[in-house]
Amino acid sequence: YAIGGNDTAARLAGININKYLIAVYALIGTVAAVAGILLTARTGSGQPVSGSEGLELKAITAAALGGAALKGGKGGIGGTLLAV
């Protein structure tokens, strides 16, 4: 929450921002790879747009309805799961 709200304040508070950003990007990459494998298994094809067109708006809507602030710093997984 601190990094998403104000990274300068988080850095001044002593939080190692680079360590957390690298960890979050690695986690996002892993989750994206798993999602790609699942999408390929579902559609039986390796096309870049097969079966995934229009899911971006649905993902943003679920996050917004779940209570996540679109500017960052606030939100949680529980509300997003309920919104989905």
Protein backbone atom coordinates (compact mmCIF):
# COMPACT_ATOMS: atom_id res chain seq x y z
CA TYR A 1 0.00 0.00 0.00
CA ALA A 2 2.81 2.39 0.84
CA ILE A 3 4.58 1.95 -2.49
CA GLY A 4 1.33 2.32 -4.45
CA GLY A 5 0.22 5.37 -2.50
CA ASN A 6 3.45 7.37 -2.47
CA ASP A 7 6.72 5.70 -3.37
CA THR A 8 8.81 8.68 -2.28
CA ALA A 9 7.31 8.61 1.21
CA ALA A 10 7.79 4.84 1.35
CA ARG A 11 11.45 5.22 0.37
CA LEU A 12 11.95 7.90 3.02
CA ALA A 13 10.28 5.62 5.60
CA GLY A 14 13.01 3.05 4.99
CA ILE A 15 11.19 0.57 2.77
CA ASN A 16 13.42 -1.07 0.17
CA ILE A 17 11.21 -0.26 -2.82
CA ASN A 18 13.42 -1.91 -5.44
CA LYS A 19 13.28 -5.28 -3.67
CA TYR A 20 9.48 -5.22 -3.53
CA LEU A 21 9.07 -3.98 -7.10
CA ILE A 22 11.29 -6.76 -8.45
CA ALA A 23 9.36 -9.34 -6.39
CA VAL A 24 6.01 -8.01 -7.59
CA TYR A 25 7.10 -7.97 -11.25
CA ALA A 26 8.39 -11.54 -10.92
CA LEU A 27 5.07 -12.62 -9.38
CA ILE A 28 3.11 -10.86 -12.13
CA GLY A 29 5.24 -12.55 -14.79
CA THR A 30 4.64 -15.96 -13.25
CA VAL A 31 0.88 -15.39 -13.00
CA ALA A 32 0.78 -14.13 -16.61
CA ALA A 33 2.63 -17.25 -17.77
CA VAL A 34 0.17 -19.50 -15.95
CA ALA A 35 -2.74 -17.54 -17.44
CA GLY A 36 -1.24 -17.96 -20.92
CA ILE A 37 -0.88 -21.70 -20.41
CA LEU A 38 -4.48 -21.97 -19.19
CA LEU A 39 -5.77 -19.89 -22.11
CA THR A 40 -3.84 -22.04 -24.56
CA ALA A 41 -5.25 -25.18 -22.97
CA ARG A 42 -8.79 -23.77 -23.03
CA THR A 43 -8.73 -22.70 -26.67
CA GLY A 44 -6.41 -25.38 -28.00
CA SER A 45 -4.55 -22.73 -29.93
CA GLY A 46 -1.56 -20.47 -29.43
CA GLN A 47 -3.02 -17.40 -31.10
CA PRO A 48 -2.32 -14.14 -29.22
CA VAL A 49 -5.93 -12.94 -29.28
CA SER A 50 -7.87 -16.21 -29.19
CA GLY A 51 -10.51 -16.16 -26.51
CA SER A 52 -9.12 -13.19 -24.60
CA GLU A 53 -10.56 -10.22 -26.43
CA GLY A 54 -12.45 -7.87 -24.16
CA LEU A 55 -11.25 -9.35 -20.87
CA GLU A 56 -9.29 -6.20 -20.00
CA LEU A 57 -12.40 -4.14 -19.34
CA LYS A 58 -13.89 -6.95 -17.28
CA ALA A 59 -10.75 -7.14 -15.13
CA ILE A 60 -10.68 -3.39 -14.50
CA THR A 61 -14.41 -3.38 -13.71
CA ALA A 62 -14.02 -6.22 -11.22
CA ALA A 63 -11.16 -4.42 -9.47
CA ALA A 64 -13.09 -1.13 -9.33
CA LEU A 65 -16.28 -2.79 -8.05
CA GLY A 66 -14.21 -4.67 -5.49
CA GLY A 67 -13.09 -1.40 -3.91
CA ALA A 68 -9.61 -0.97 -5.39
CA ALA A 69 -8.60 2.63 -6.00
CA LEU A 70 -7.66 3.04 -9.65
CA LYS A 71 -4.92 5.49 -8.68
CA GLY A 72 -3.32 2.89 -6.39
CA GLY A 73 -2.69 2.51 -2.69
CA LYS A 74 -6.04 1.04 -1.68
CA GLY A 75 -7.88 -2.18 -2.28
CA GLY A 76 -7.87 -5.85 -1.48
CA ILE A 77 -8.27 -9.27 -2.99
CA GLY A 78 -11.44 -10.15 -1.06
CA GLY A 79 -13.54 -7.38 -2.55
CA THR A 80 -12.26 -8.09 -6.03
CA LEU A 81 -13.10 -11.78 -5.71
CA LEU A 82 -16.62 -10.88 -4.59
CA ALA A 83 -16.95 -8.51 -7.55
CA VAL A 84 -15.87 -11.21 -9.98
